[in-house]
Amino acid sequence: MSRSKSDLIRALFDAYMADDRKAVENAFTDDFRFTTPYDDRIDKATYFERCWKTSDWIERHDLETLLVEGDQAFVTYRCTARDSKSFRNAEFFCFEGDKIRRIDVYFGATYQKGVFVKQQS
């Protein structure tokens, strides 16, 4: 029985927090693509080379919005780091069956102890 797209996204965020790289790898299609303001449609292997980090710097992820329509989903979340910085991101997901085929990430503002931290370009 296939899981809902919402459940797949929640499981992905849980796998990140558990540093379960194998679960994250298995969540992606072979032709997975990842885009951020720093990376344009990088493939699965490049994603794990450049972007995979242990989550020991993260205190928690709080999913704020999770909207699913067909094979697409939009998520906003707040990430709180152990150094008290926090930031909000939005991610757009595209699915192929029960696997994630694409994620586009949009960065939000960063705060430390409740105060806005201007990012350097």
PDB file of N, CA and C in Angstrom:
ATOM      1  N   MET A   1       0.841  -1.183   0.000  1.00  0.00           N
ATOM      2  CA  MET A   1       0.000   0.000   0.000  1.00  0.00           C
ATOM      3  C   MET A   1       0.885   1.245   0.000  1.00  0.00           C
ATOM      4  N   SER A   2       0.599   2.176  -0.866  1.00  0.00           N
ATOM      5  CA  SER A   2       1.460   3.357  -0.944  1.00  0.00           C
ATOM      6  C   SER A   2       1.096   4.360   0.155  1.00  0.00           C
ATOM      7  N   ARG A   3       2.109   5.073   0.589  1.00  0.00           N
ATOM      8  CA  ARG A   3       1.921   6.081   1.638  1.00  0.00           C
ATOM      9  C   ARG A   3       1.525   7.396   0.991  1.00  0.00           C
ATOM     10  N   SER A   4       0.894   8.257   1.781  1.00  0.00           N
ATOM     11  CA  SER A   4       0.501   9.572   1.267  1.00  0.00           C
ATOM     12  C   SER A   4       1.747  10.427   1.044  1.00  0.00           C
ATOM     13  N   LYS A   5       1.627  11.406   0.176  1.00  0.00           N
ATOM     14  CA  LYS A   5       2.748  12.324  -0.083  1.00  0.00           C
ATOM     15  C   LYS A   5       3.127  13.059   1.204  1.00  0.00           C
ATOM     16  N   SER A   6       2.143  13.425   2.001  1.00  0.00           N
ATOM     17  CA  SER A   6       2.430  14.082   3.290  1.00  0.00           C
ATOM     18  C   SER A   6       3.264  13.185   4.187  1.00  0.00           C
ATOM     19  N   ASP A   7       2.918  11.913   4.247  1.00  0.00           N
ATOM     20  CA  ASP A   7       3.688  10.959   5.065  1.00  0.00           C
ATOM     21  C   ASP A   7       5.108  10.798   4.532  1.00  0.00           C
ATOM     22  N   LEU A   8       5.263  10.772   3.206  1.00  0.00           N
ATOM     23  CA  LEU A   8       6.598  10.650   2.614  1.00  0.00           C
ATOM     24  C   LEU A   8       7.470  11.857   2.975  1.00  0.00           C
ATOM     25  N   ILE A   9       6.896  13.050   2.941  1.00  0.00           N
ATOM     26  CA  ILE A   9       7.651  14.262   3.289  1.00  0.00           C
ATOM     27  C   ILE A   9       8.020  14.257   4.767  1.00  0.00           C
ATOM     28  N   ARG A  10       7.074  13.909   5.623  1.00  0.00           N
ATOM     29  CA  ARG A  10       7.382  13.840   7.064  1.00  0.00           C
ATOM     30  C   ARG A  10       8.485  12.810   7.340  1.00  0.00           C
ATOM     31  N   ALA A  11       8.414  11.673   6.646  1.00  0.00           N
ATOM     32  CA  ALA A  11       9.447  10.640   6.815  1.00  0.00           C
ATOM     33  C   ALA A  11      10.811  11.149   6.342  1.00  0.00           C
ATOM     34  N   LEU A  12      10.825  11.954   5.274  1.00  0.00           N
ATOM     35  CA  LEU A  12      12.087  12.523   4.791  1.00  0.00           C
ATOM     36  C   LEU A  12      12.697  13.452   5.847  1.00  0.00           C
ATOM     37  N   PHE A  13      11.893  14.346   6.411  1.00  0.00           N
ATOM     38  CA  PHE A  13      12.397  15.246   7.448  1.00  0.00           C
ATOM     39  C   PHE A  13      12.866  14.456   8.667  1.00  0.00           C
ATOM     40  N   ASP A  14      12.155  13.395   9.037  1.00  0.00           N
ATOM     41  CA  ASP A  14      12.581  12.542  10.154  1.00  0.00           C
ATOM     42  C   ASP A  14      13.912  11.864   9.843  1.00  0.00           C
ATOM     43  N   ALA A  15      14.090  11.405   8.601  1.00  0.00           N
ATOM     44  CA  ALA A  15      15.342  10.751   8.207  1.00  0.00           C
ATOM     45  C   ALA A  15      16.511  11.729   8.276  1.00  0.00           C
ATOM     46  N   TYR A  16      16.283  12.995   7.860  1.00  0.00           N
ATOM     47  CA  TYR A  16      17.344  14.001   7.988  1.00  0.00           C
ATOM     48  C   TYR A  16      17.757  14.155   9.453  1.00  0.00           C
ATOM     49  N   MET A  17      16.772  14.284  10.327  1.00  0.00           N
ATOM     50  CA  MET A  17      17.067  14.487  11.747  1.00  0.00           C
ATOM     51  C   MET A  17      17.772  13.276  12.359  1.00  0.00           C
ATOM     52  N   ALA A  18      17.524  12.101  11.841  1.00  0.00           N
ATOM     53  CA  ALA A  18      18.141  10.875  12.349  1.00  0.00           C
ATOM     54  C   ALA A  18      19.468  10.574  11.647  1.00  0.00           C
ATOM     55  N   ASP A  19      19.904  11.469  10.747  1.00  0.00           N
ATOM     56  CA  ASP A  19      21.119  11.250   9.951  1.00  0.00           C
ATOM     57  C   ASP A  19      21.055   9.914   9.203  1.00  0.00           C
ATOM     58  N   ASP A  20      19.864   9.570   8.730  1.00  0.00           N
ATOM     59  CA  ASP A  20      19.656   8.308   8.038  1.00  0.00           C
ATOM     60  C   ASP A  20      19.791   8.526   6.529  1.00  0.00           C
ATOM     61  N   ARG A  21      21.035   8.598   6.081  1.00  0.00           N
ATOM     62  CA  ARG A  21      21.309   8.888   4.670  1.00  0.00           C
ATOM     63  C   ARG A  21      20.671   7.839   3.760  1.00  0.00           C
ATOM     64  N   LYS A  22      20.708   6.584   4.150  1.00  0.00           N
ATOM     65  CA  LYS A  22      20.145   5.519   3.321  1.00  0.00           C
ATOM     66  C   LYS A  22      18.646   5.753   3.090  1.00  0.00           C
ATOM     67  N   ALA A  23      17.926   6.149   4.123  1.00  0.00           N
ATOM     68  CA  ALA A  23      16.492   6.424   3.970  1.00  0.00           C
ATOM     69  C   ALA A  23      16.260   7.603   3.032  1.00  0.00           C
ATOM     70  N   VAL A  24      17.119   8.630   3.132  1.00  0.00           N
ATOM     71  CA  VAL A  24      16.992   9.785   2.236  1.00  0.00           C
ATOM     72  C   VAL A  24      17.299   9.358   0.805  1.00  0.00           C
ATOM     73  N   GLU A  25      18.378   8.605   0.600  1.00  0.00           N
ATOM     74  CA  GLU A  25      18.709   8.110  -0.742  1.00  0.00           C
ATOM     75  C   GLU A  25      17.548   7.314  -1.333  1.00  0.00           C
ATOM     76  N   ASN A  26      16.949   6.450  -0.516  1.00  0.00           N
ATOM     77  CA  ASN A  26      15.850   5.613  -0.983  1.00  0.00           C
ATOM     78  C   ASN A  26      14.578   6.411  -1.261  1.00  0.00           C
ATOM     79  N   ALA A  27      14.459   7.596  -0.683  1.00  0.00           N
ATOM     80  CA  ALA A  27      13.276   8.431  -0.909  1.00  0.00           C
ATOM     81  C   ALA A  27      13.310   9.117  -2.275  1.00  0.00           C
ATOM     82  N   PHE A  28      14.512   9.194  -2.878  1.00  0.00           N
ATOM     83  CA  PHE A  28      14.692   9.910  -4.151  1.00  0.00           C
ATOM     84  C   PHE A  28      14.677   8.943  -5.334  1.00  0.00           C
ATOM     85  N   THR A  29      14.157   9.423  -6.469  1.00  0.00           N
ATOM     86  CA  THR A  29      14.256   8.662  -7.712  1.00  0.00           C
ATOM     87  C   THR A  29      15.713   8.667  -8.174  1.00  0.00           C
ATOM     88  N   ASP A  30      16.040   7.777  -9.097  1.00  0.00           N
ATOM     89  CA  ASP A  30      17.403   7.733  -9.640  1.00  0.00           C
ATOM     90  C   ASP A  30      17.745   9.022 -10.389  1.00  0.00           C
ATOM     91  N   ASP A  31      16.735   9.662 -11.015  1.00  0.00           N
ATOM     92  CA  ASP A  31      16.970  10.899 -11.774  1.00  0.00           C
ATOM     93  C   ASP A  31      16.604  12.156 -10.969  1.00  0.00           C
ATOM     94  N   PHE A  32      16.673  12.042  -9.644  1.00  0.00           N
ATOM     95  CA  PHE A  32      16.381  13.162  -8.727  1.00  0.00           C
ATOM     96  C   PHE A  32      17.173  14.414  -9.106  1.00  0.00           C
ATOM     97  N   ARG A  33      16.522  15.578  -8.940  1.00  0.00           N
ATOM     98  CA  ARG A  33      17.169  16.878  -9.168  1.00  0.00           C
ATOM     99  C   ARG A  33      16.869  17.788  -7.975  1.00  0.00           C
ATOM    100  N   PHE A  34      17.864  18.638  -7.633  1.00  0.00           N
ATOM    101  CA  PHE A  34      17.783  19.514  -6.457  1.00  0.00           C
ATOM    102  C   PHE A  34      18.228  20.914  -6.855  1.00  0.00           C
ATOM    103  N   THR A  35      17.402  21.902  -6.530  1.00  0.00           N
ATOM    104  CA  THR A  35      17.698  23.286  -6.882  1.00  0.00           C
ATOM    105  C   THR A  35      17.563  24.183  -5.652  1.00  0.00           C
ATOM    106  N   THR A  36      18.552  25.068  -5.483  1.00  0.00           N
ATOM    107  CA  THR A  36      18.523  26.112  -4.452  1.00  0.00           C
ATOM    108  C   THR A  36      19.069  27.375  -5.110  1.00  0.00           C
ATOM    109  N   PRO A  37      19.157  28.480  -4.365  1.00  0.00           N
ATOM    110  CA  PRO A  37      19.826  29.648  -4.943  1.00  0.00           C
ATOM    111  C   PRO A  37      21.303  29.393  -5.275  1.00  0.00           C
ATOM    112  N   TYR A  38      21.879  28.298  -4.747  1.00  0.00           N
ATOM    113  CA  TYR A  38      23.284  27.974  -5.000  1.00  0.00           C
ATOM    114  C   TYR A  38      23.495  26.856  -6.030  1.00  0.00           C
ATOM    115  N   ASP A  39      22.487  26.051  -6.258  1.00  0.00           N
ATOM    116  CA  ASP A  39      22.623  24.878  -7.120  1.00  0.00           C
ATOM    117  C   ASP A  39      21.435  24.808  -8.071  1.00  0.00           C
ATOM    118  N   ASP A  40      21.724  24.518  -9.349  1.00  0.00           N
ATOM    119  CA  ASP A  40      20.661  24.443 -10.345  1.00  0.00           C
ATOM    120  C   ASP A  40      20.512  23.021 -10.871  1.00  0.00           C
ATOM    121  N   ARG A  41      19.464  22.338 -10.419  1.00  0.00           N
ATOM    122  CA  ARG A  41      19.114  21.002 -10.910  1.00  0.00           C
ATOM    123  C   ARG A  41      20.263  20.000 -10.798  1.00  0.00           C
ATOM    124  N   ILE A  42      20.949  20.014  -9.650  1.00  0.00           N
ATOM    125  CA  ILE A  42      22.025  19.042  -9.464  1.00  0.00           C
ATOM    126  C   ILE A  42      21.423  17.641  -9.296  1.00  0.00           C
ATOM    127  N   ASP A  43      22.195  16.637  -9.688  1.00  0.00           N
ATOM    128  CA  ASP A  43      21.699  15.267  -9.623  1.00  0.00           C
ATOM    129  C   ASP A  43      21.879  14.698  -8.206  1.00  0.00           C
ATOM    130  N   LYS A  44      21.417  13.481  -8.044  1.00  0.00           N
ATOM    131  CA  LYS A  44      21.407  12.818  -6.739  1.00  0.00           C
ATOM    132  C   LYS A  44      22.823  12.681  -6.166  1.00  0.00           C
ATOM    133  N   ALA A  45      23.770  12.223  -6.981  1.00  0.00           N
ATOM    134  CA  ALA A  45      25.147  12.045  -6.502  1.00  0.00           C
ATOM    135  C   ALA A  45      25.750  13.376  -6.075  1.00  0.00           C
ATOM    136  N   THR A  46      25.550  14.423  -6.868  1.00  0.00           N
ATOM    137  CA  THR A  46      26.085  15.747  -6.542  1.00  0.00           C
ATOM    138  C   THR A  46      25.418  16.303  -5.290  1.00  0.00           C
ATOM    139  N   TYR A  47      24.122  16.062  -5.149  1.00  0.00           N
ATOM    140  CA  TYR A  47      23.415  16.493  -3.934  1.00  0.00           C
ATOM    141  C   TYR A  47      24.102  15.917  -2.701  1.00  0.00           C
ATOM    142  N   PHE A  48      24.387  14.618  -2.707  1.00  0.00           N
ATOM    143  CA  PHE A  48      24.995  14.016  -1.519  1.00  0.00           C
ATOM    144  C   PHE A  48      26.439  14.464  -1.322  1.00  0.00           C
ATOM    145  N   GLU A  49      27.157  14.784  -2.388  1.00  0.00           N
ATOM    146  CA  GLU A  49      28.519  15.320  -2.264  1.00  0.00           C
ATOM    147  C   GLU A  49      28.510  16.716  -1.652  1.00  0.00           C
ATOM    148  N   ARG A  50      27.653  17.578  -2.161  1.00  0.00           N
ATOM    149  CA  ARG A  50      27.661  18.999  -1.772  1.00  0.00           C
ATOM    150  C   ARG A  50      26.785  19.339  -0.575  1.00  0.00           C
ATOM    151  N   CYS A  51      25.656  18.697  -0.474  1.00  0.00           N
ATOM    152  CA  CYS A  51      24.611  19.176   0.440  1.00  0.00           C
ATOM    153  C   CYS A  51      24.386  18.306   1.666  1.00  0.00           C
ATOM    154  N   TRP A  52      24.772  17.040   1.610  1.00  0.00           N
ATOM    155  CA  TRP A  52      24.497  16.163   2.752  1.00  0.00           C
ATOM    156  C   TRP A  52      25.433  16.512   3.897  1.00  0.00           C
ATOM    157  N   LYS A  53      24.851  16.860   5.003  1.00  0.00           N
ATOM    158  CA  LYS A  53      25.596  17.137   6.241  1.00  0.00           C
ATOM    159  C   LYS A  53      24.893  16.407   7.364  1.00  0.00           C
ATOM    160  N   THR A  54      25.630  16.086   8.396  1.00  0.00           N
ATOM    161  CA  THR A  54      24.963  15.504   9.559  1.00  0.00           C
ATOM    162  C   THR A  54      24.059  16.564  10.170  1.00  0.00           C
ATOM    163  N   SER A  55      23.028  16.108  10.834  1.00  0.00           N
ATOM    164  CA  SER A  55      22.054  17.044  11.396  1.00  0.00           C
ATOM    165  C   SER A  55      22.372  17.411  12.838  1.00  0.00           C
ATOM    166  N   ASP A  56      23.593  17.132  13.311  1.00  0.00           N
ATOM    167  CA  ASP A  56      23.910  17.410  14.709  1.00  0.00           C
ATOM    168  C   ASP A  56      23.887  18.902  15.039  1.00  0.00           C
ATOM    169  N   TRP A  57      23.860  19.769  14.040  1.00  0.00           N
ATOM    170  CA  TRP A  57      23.788  21.209  14.269  1.00  0.00           C
ATOM    171  C   TRP A  57      22.330  21.679  14.397  1.00  0.00           C
ATOM    172  N   ILE A  58      21.374  20.787  14.087  1.00  0.00           N
ATOM    173  CA  ILE A  58      19.955  21.148  14.133  1.00  0.00           C
ATOM    174  C   ILE A  58      19.335  20.695  15.450  1.00  0.00           C
ATOM    175  N   GLU A  59      18.660  21.605  16.108  1.00  0.00           N
ATOM    176  CA  GLU A  59      17.903  21.241  17.303  1.00  0.00           C
ATOM    177  C   GLU A  59      16.560  20.644  16.911  1.00  0.00           C
ATOM    178  N   ARG A  60      15.887  21.289  15.927  1.00  0.00           N
ATOM    179  CA  ARG A  60      14.597  20.749  15.485  1.00  0.00           C
ATOM    180  C   ARG A  60      14.150  21.396  14.171  1.00  0.00           C
ATOM    181  N   HIS A  61      13.280  20.676  13.488  1.00  0.00           N
ATOM    182  CA  HIS A  61      12.548  21.176  12.329  1.00  0.00           C
ATOM    183  C   HIS A  61      11.086  21.250  12.735  1.00  0.00           C
ATOM    184  N   ASP A  62      10.424  22.343  12.452  1.00  0.00           N
ATOM    185  CA  ASP A  62       8.986  22.448  12.684  1.00  0.00           C
ATOM    186  C   ASP A  62       8.306  22.684  11.349  1.00  0.00           C
ATOM    187  N   LEU A  63       7.607  21.658  10.848  1.00  0.00           N
ATOM    188  CA  LEU A  63       6.846  21.833   9.620  1.00  0.00           C
ATOM    189  C   LEU A  63       5.683  22.769   9.919  1.00  0.00           C
ATOM    190  N   GLU A  64       5.560  23.821   9.137  1.00  0.00           N
ATOM    191  CA  GLU A  64       4.505  24.815   9.358  1.00  0.00           C
ATOM    192  C   GLU A  64       3.360  24.657   8.367  1.00  0.00           C
ATOM    193  N   THR A  65       3.695  24.421   7.111  1.00  0.00           N
ATOM    194  CA  THR A  65       2.699  24.271   6.063  1.00  0.00           C
ATOM    195  C   THR A  65       3.087  23.085   5.210  1.00  0.00           C
ATOM    196  N   LEU A  66       2.126  22.239   4.908  1.00  0.00           N
ATOM    197  CA  LEU A  66       2.363  21.119   4.016  1.00  0.00           C
ATOM    198  C   LEU A  66       1.109  20.981   3.144  1.00  0.00           C
ATOM    199  N   LEU A  67       1.234  21.406   1.900  1.00  0.00           N
ATOM    200  CA  LEU A  67       0.116  21.365   0.959  1.00  0.00           C
ATOM    201  C   LEU A  67       0.459  20.400  -0.160  1.00  0.00           C
ATOM    202  N   VAL A  68      -0.424  19.459  -0.421  1.00  0.00           N
ATOM    203  CA  VAL A  68      -0.210  18.469  -1.471  1.00  0.00           C
ATOM    204  C   VAL A  68      -1.332  18.587  -2.492  1.00  0.00           C
ATOM    205  N   GLU A  69      -0.932  18.590  -3.760  1.00  0.00           N
ATOM    206  CA  GLU A  69      -1.893  18.535  -4.846  1.00  0.00           C
ATOM    207  C   GLU A  69      -1.346  17.588  -5.903  1.00  0.00           C
ATOM    208  N   GLY A  70      -1.981  16.448  -6.034  1.00  0.00           N
ATOM    209  CA  GLY A  70      -1.515  15.453  -6.998  1.00  0.00           C
ATOM    210  C   GLY A  70      -0.110  14.984  -6.666  1.00  0.00           C
ATOM    211  N   ASP A  71       0.794  15.108  -7.635  1.00  0.00           N
ATOM    212  CA  ASP A  71       2.179  14.677  -7.458  1.00  0.00           C
ATOM    213  C   ASP A  71       3.116  15.824  -7.098  1.00  0.00           C
ATOM    214  N   GLN A  72       2.557  16.883  -6.524  1.00  0.00           N
ATOM    215  CA  GLN A  72       3.368  18.026  -6.112  1.00  0.00           C
ATOM    216  C   GLN A  72       3.000  18.418  -4.685  1.00  0.00           C
ATOM    217  N   ALA A  73       3.980  18.999  -3.991  1.00  0.00           N
ATOM    218  CA  ALA A  73       3.738  19.443  -2.622  1.00  0.00           C
ATOM    219  C   ALA A  73       4.565  20.690  -2.347  1.00  0.00           C
ATOM    220  N   PHE A  74       4.053  21.502  -1.447  1.00  0.00           N
ATOM    221  CA  PHE A  74       4.726  22.719  -1.017  1.00  0.00           C
ATOM    222  C   PHE A  74       4.827  22.662   0.501  1.00  0.00           C
ATOM    223  N   VAL A  75       6.035  22.900   1.016  1.00  0.00           N
ATOM    224  CA  VAL A  75       6.293  22.800   2.454  1.00  0.00           C
ATOM    225  C   VAL A  75       6.993  24.070   2.926  1.00  0.00           C
ATOM    226  N   THR A  76       6.555  24.603   4.043  1.00  0.00           N
ATOM    227  CA  THR A  76       7.347  25.621   4.735  1.00  0.00           C
ATOM    228  C   THR A  76       7.688  25.056   6.107  1.00  0.00           C
ATOM    229  N   TYR A  77       8.877  25.411   6.578  1.00  0.00           N
ATOM    230  CA  TYR A  77       9.310  24.914   7.881  1.00  0.00           C
ATOM    231  C   TYR A  77      10.257  25.918   8.525  1.00  0.00           C
ATOM    232  N   ARG A  78      10.335  25.819   9.841  1.00  0.00           N
ATOM    233  CA  ARG A  78      11.316  26.582  10.607  1.00  0.00           C
ATOM    234  C   ARG A  78      12.330  25.578  11.137  1.00  0.00           C
ATOM    235  N   CYS A  79      13.593  25.892  10.909  1.00  0.00           N
ATOM    236  CA  CYS A  79      14.684  25.076  11.410  1.00  0.00           C
ATOM    237  C   CYS A  79      15.367  25.867  12.519  1.00  0.00           C
ATOM    238  N   THR A  80      15.523  25.242  13.669  1.00  0.00           N
ATOM    239  CA  THR A  80      16.230  25.873  14.783  1.00  0.00           C
ATOM    240  C   THR A  80      17.537  25.122  14.998  1.00  0.00           C
ATOM    241  N   ALA A  81      18.644  25.871  14.939  1.00  0.00           N
ATOM    242  CA  ALA A  81      19.973  25.282  15.115  1.00  0.00           C
ATOM    243  C   ALA A  81      20.346  25.277  16.594  1.00  0.00           C
ATOM    244  N   ARG A  82      21.325  24.476  16.934  1.00  0.00           N
ATOM    245  CA  ARG A  82      21.781  24.389  18.328  1.00  0.00           C
ATOM    246  C   ARG A  82      22.458  25.674  18.802  1.00  0.00           C
ATOM    247  N   ASP A  83      22.925  26.518  17.852  1.00  0.00           N
ATOM    248  CA  ASP A  83      23.556  27.787  18.235  1.00  0.00           C
ATOM    249  C   ASP A  83      22.537  28.914  18.380  1.00  0.00           C
ATOM    250  N   SER A  84      21.264  28.567  18.407  1.00  0.00           N
ATOM    251  CA  SER A  84      20.117  29.467  18.588  1.00  0.00           C
ATOM    252  C   SER A  84      19.726  30.228  17.327  1.00  0.00           C
ATOM    253  N   LYS A  85      20.406  30.011  16.206  1.00  0.00           N
ATOM    254  CA  LYS A  85      19.937  30.590  14.947  1.00  0.00           C
ATOM    255  C   LYS A  85      18.727  29.804  14.472  1.00  0.00           C
ATOM    256  N   SER A  86      17.833  30.507  13.813  1.00  0.00           N
ATOM    257  CA  SER A  86      16.708  29.820  13.200  1.00  0.00           C
ATOM    258  C   SER A  86      16.442  30.453  11.840  1.00  0.00           C
ATOM    259  N   PHE A  87      15.852  29.674  10.970  1.00  0.00           N
ATOM    260  CA  PHE A  87      15.503  30.183   9.650  1.00  0.00           C
ATOM    261  C   PHE A  87      14.280  29.440   9.148  1.00  0.00           C
ATOM    262  N   ARG A  88      13.595  30.081   8.213  1.00  0.00           N
ATOM    263  CA  ARG A  88      12.440  29.470   7.565  1.00  0.00           C
ATOM    264  C   ARG A  88      12.782  29.267   6.100  1.00  0.00           C
ATOM    265  N   ASN A  89      12.421  28.099   5.591  1.00  0.00           N
ATOM    266  CA  ASN A  89      12.586  27.789   4.178  1.00  0.00           C
ATOM    267  C   ASN A  89      11.252  27.302   3.624  1.00  0.00           C
ATOM    268  N   ALA A  90      11.157  27.366   2.313  1.00  0.00           N
ATOM    269  CA  ALA A  90      10.043  26.759   1.595  1.00  0.00           C
ATOM    270  C   ALA A  90      10.642  25.780   0.598  1.00  0.00           C
ATOM    271  N   GLU A  91       9.978  24.656   0.421  1.00  0.00           N
ATOM    272  CA  GLU A  91      10.445  23.661  -0.534  1.00  0.00           C
ATOM    273  C   GLU A  91       9.271  23.182  -1.374  1.00  0.00           C
ATOM    274  N   PHE A  92       9.529  23.051  -2.679  1.00  0.00           N
ATOM    275  CA  PHE A  92       8.550  22.543  -3.620  1.00  0.00           C
ATOM    276  C   PHE A  92       8.998  21.145  -4.040  1.00  0.00           C
ATOM    277  N   PHE A  93       8.143  20.150  -3.853  1.00  0.00           N
ATOM    278  CA  PHE A  93       8.444  18.749  -4.143  1.00  0.00           C
ATOM    279  C   PHE A  93       7.656  18.284  -5.365  1.00  0.00           C
ATOM    280  N   CYS A  94       8.298  17.479  -6.196  1.00  0.00           N
ATOM    281  CA  CYS A  94       7.618  16.761  -7.273  1.00  0.00           C
ATOM    282  C   CYS A  94       7.880  15.272  -7.057  1.00  0.00           C
ATOM    283  N   PHE A  95       6.843  14.477  -7.214  1.00  0.00           N
ATOM    284  CA  PHE A  95       6.928  13.043  -6.957  1.00  0.00           C
ATOM    285  C   PHE A  95       6.776  12.249  -8.247  1.00  0.00           C
ATOM    286  N   GLU A  96       7.325  11.071  -8.209  1.00  0.00           N
ATOM    287  CA  GLU A  96       7.062  10.050  -9.212  1.00  0.00           C
ATOM    288  C   GLU A  96       6.693   8.803  -8.425  1.00  0.00           C
ATOM    289  N   GLY A  97       5.431   8.511  -8.378  1.00  0.00           N
ATOM    290  CA  GLY A  97       4.961   7.412  -7.528  1.00  0.00           C
ATOM    291  C   GLY A  97       5.227   7.733  -6.071  1.00  0.00           C
ATOM    292  N   ASP A  98       5.893   6.811  -5.373  1.00  0.00           N
ATOM    293  CA  ASP A  98       6.207   6.983  -3.953  1.00  0.00           C
ATOM    294  C   ASP A  98       7.610   7.538  -3.722  1.00  0.00           C
ATOM    295  N   LYS A  99       8.215   8.106  -4.749  1.00  0.00           N
ATOM    296  CA  LYS A  99       9.570   8.652  -4.615  1.00  0.00           C
ATOM    297  C   LYS A  99       9.574  10.130  -4.989  1.00  0.00           C
ATOM    298  N   ILE A 100      10.543  10.844  -4.433  1.00  0.00           N
ATOM    299  CA  ILE A 100      10.696  12.278  -4.699  1.00  0.00           C
ATOM    300  C   ILE A 100      11.596  12.446  -5.909  1.00  0.00           C
ATOM    301  N   ARG A 101      11.092  13.131  -6.917  1.00  0.00           N
ATOM    302  CA  ARG A 101      11.858  13.316  -8.150  1.00  0.00           C
ATOM    303  C   ARG A 101      12.580  14.654  -8.171  1.00  0.00           C
ATOM    304  N   ARG A 102      12.029  15.645  -7.484  1.00  0.00           N
ATOM    305  CA  ARG A 102      12.629  16.984  -7.522  1.00  0.00           C
ATOM    306  C   ARG A 102      12.286  17.741  -6.252  1.00  0.00           C
ATOM    307  N   ILE A 103      13.263  18.532  -5.778  1.00  0.00           N
ATOM    308  CA  ILE A 103      13.027  19.489  -4.687  1.00  0.00           C
ATOM    309  C   ILE A 103      13.643  20.815  -5.105  1.00  0.00           C
ATOM    310  N   ASP A 104      12.844  21.866  -5.035  1.00  0.00           N
ATOM    311  CA  ASP A 104      13.322  23.239  -5.231  1.00  0.00           C
ATOM    312  C   ASP A 104      13.221  23.940  -3.884  1.00  0.00           C
ATOM    313  N   VAL A 105      14.334  24.494  -3.405  1.00  0.00           N
ATOM    314  CA  VAL A 105      14.386  25.117  -2.086  1.00  0.00           C
ATOM    315  C   VAL A 105      14.464  26.634  -2.226  1.00  0.00           C
ATOM    316  N   TYR A 106      13.683  27.327  -1.402  1.00  0.00           N
ATOM    317  CA  TYR A 106      13.671  28.787  -1.359  1.00  0.00           C
ATOM    318  C   TYR A 106      14.016  29.201   0.066  1.00  0.00           C
ATOM    319  N   PHE A 107      15.101  29.948   0.216  1.00  0.00           N
ATOM    320  CA  PHE A 107      15.591  30.325   1.538  1.00  0.00           C
ATOM    321  C   PHE A 107      14.823  31.517   2.096  1.00  0.00           C
ATOM    322  N   GLY A 108      14.587  31.470   3.393  1.00  0.00           N
ATOM    323  CA  GLY A 108      13.955  32.577   4.093  1.00  0.00           C
ATOM    324  C   GLY A 108      14.960  33.291   4.986  1.00  0.00           C
ATOM    325  N   ALA A 109      14.455  34.172   5.797  1.00  0.00           N
ATOM    326  CA  ALA A 109      15.293  34.976   6.695  1.00  0.00           C
ATOM    327  C   ALA A 109      15.884  34.121   7.813  1.00  0.00           C
ATOM    328  N   THR A 110      17.019  34.593   8.363  1.00  0.00           N
ATOM    329  CA  THR A 110      17.693  33.946   9.489  1.00  0.00           C
ATOM    330  C   THR A 110      17.588  34.858  10.711  1.00  0.00           C
ATOM    331  N   TYR A 111      17.402  34.231  11.876  1.00  0.00           N
ATOM    332  CA  TYR A 111      17.302  34.955  13.144  1.00  0.00           C
ATOM    333  C   TYR A 111      18.231  34.312  14.165  1.00  0.00           C
ATOM    334  N   GLN A 112      18.780  35.119  15.071  1.00  0.00           N
ATOM    335  CA  GLN A 112      19.532  34.600  16.204  1.00  0.00           C
ATOM    336  C   GLN A 112      18.991  35.256  17.451  1.00  0.00           C
ATOM    337  N   LYS A 113      18.513  34.411  18.359  1.00  0.00           N
ATOM    338  CA  LYS A 113      17.882  34.879  19.596  1.00  0.00           C
ATOM    339  C   LYS A 113      16.786  35.890  19.291  1.00  0.00           C
ATOM    340  N   GLY A 114      16.024  35.613  18.238  1.00  0.00           N
ATOM    341  CA  GLY A 114      14.882  36.449  17.881  1.00  0.00           C
ATOM    342  C   GLY A 114      15.204  37.695  17.082  1.00  0.00           C
ATOM    343  N   VAL A 115      16.485  37.927  16.773  1.00  0.00           N
ATOM    344  CA  VAL A 115      16.891  39.130  16.052  1.00  0.00           C
ATOM    345  C   VAL A 115      17.313  38.751  14.631  1.00  0.00           C
ATOM    346  N   PHE A 116      16.832  39.497  13.640  1.00  0.00           N
ATOM    347  CA  PHE A 116      17.144  39.266  12.232  1.00  0.00           C
ATOM    348  C   PHE A 116      18.656  39.353  12.017  1.00  0.00           C
ATOM    349  N   VAL A 117      19.202  38.373  11.266  1.00  0.00           N
ATOM    350  CA  VAL A 117      20.623  38.352  10.918  1.00  0.00           C
ATOM    351  C   VAL A 117      20.740  38.517   9.416  1.00  0.00           C
ATOM    352  N   LYS A 118      21.321  39.644   8.986  1.00  0.00           N
ATOM    353  CA  LYS A 118      21.498  39.885   7.568  1.00  0.00           C
ATOM    354  C   LYS A 118      22.544  38.934   7.018  1.00  0.00           C
ATOM    355  N   GLN A 119      22.222  38.270   5.908  1.00  0.00           N
ATOM    356  CA  GLN A 119      23.132  37.314   5.288  1.00  0.00           C
ATOM    357  C   GLN A 119      24.020  38.027   4.274  1.00  0.00           C
ATOM    358  N   GLN A 120      25.237  37.553   4.164  1.00  0.00           N
ATOM    359  CA  GLN A 120      26.170  38.104   3.181  1.00  0.00           C
ATOM    360  C   GLN A 120      25.949  37.401   1.855  1.00  0.00           C
ATOM    361  N   SER A 121      26.058  38.152   0.762  1.00  0.00           N
ATOM    362  CA  SER A 121      25.856  37.528  -0.549  1.00  0.00           C
ATOM    363  C   SER A 121      27.124  36.938  -1.080  1.00  0.00           C
TER     364      SER A 121
END
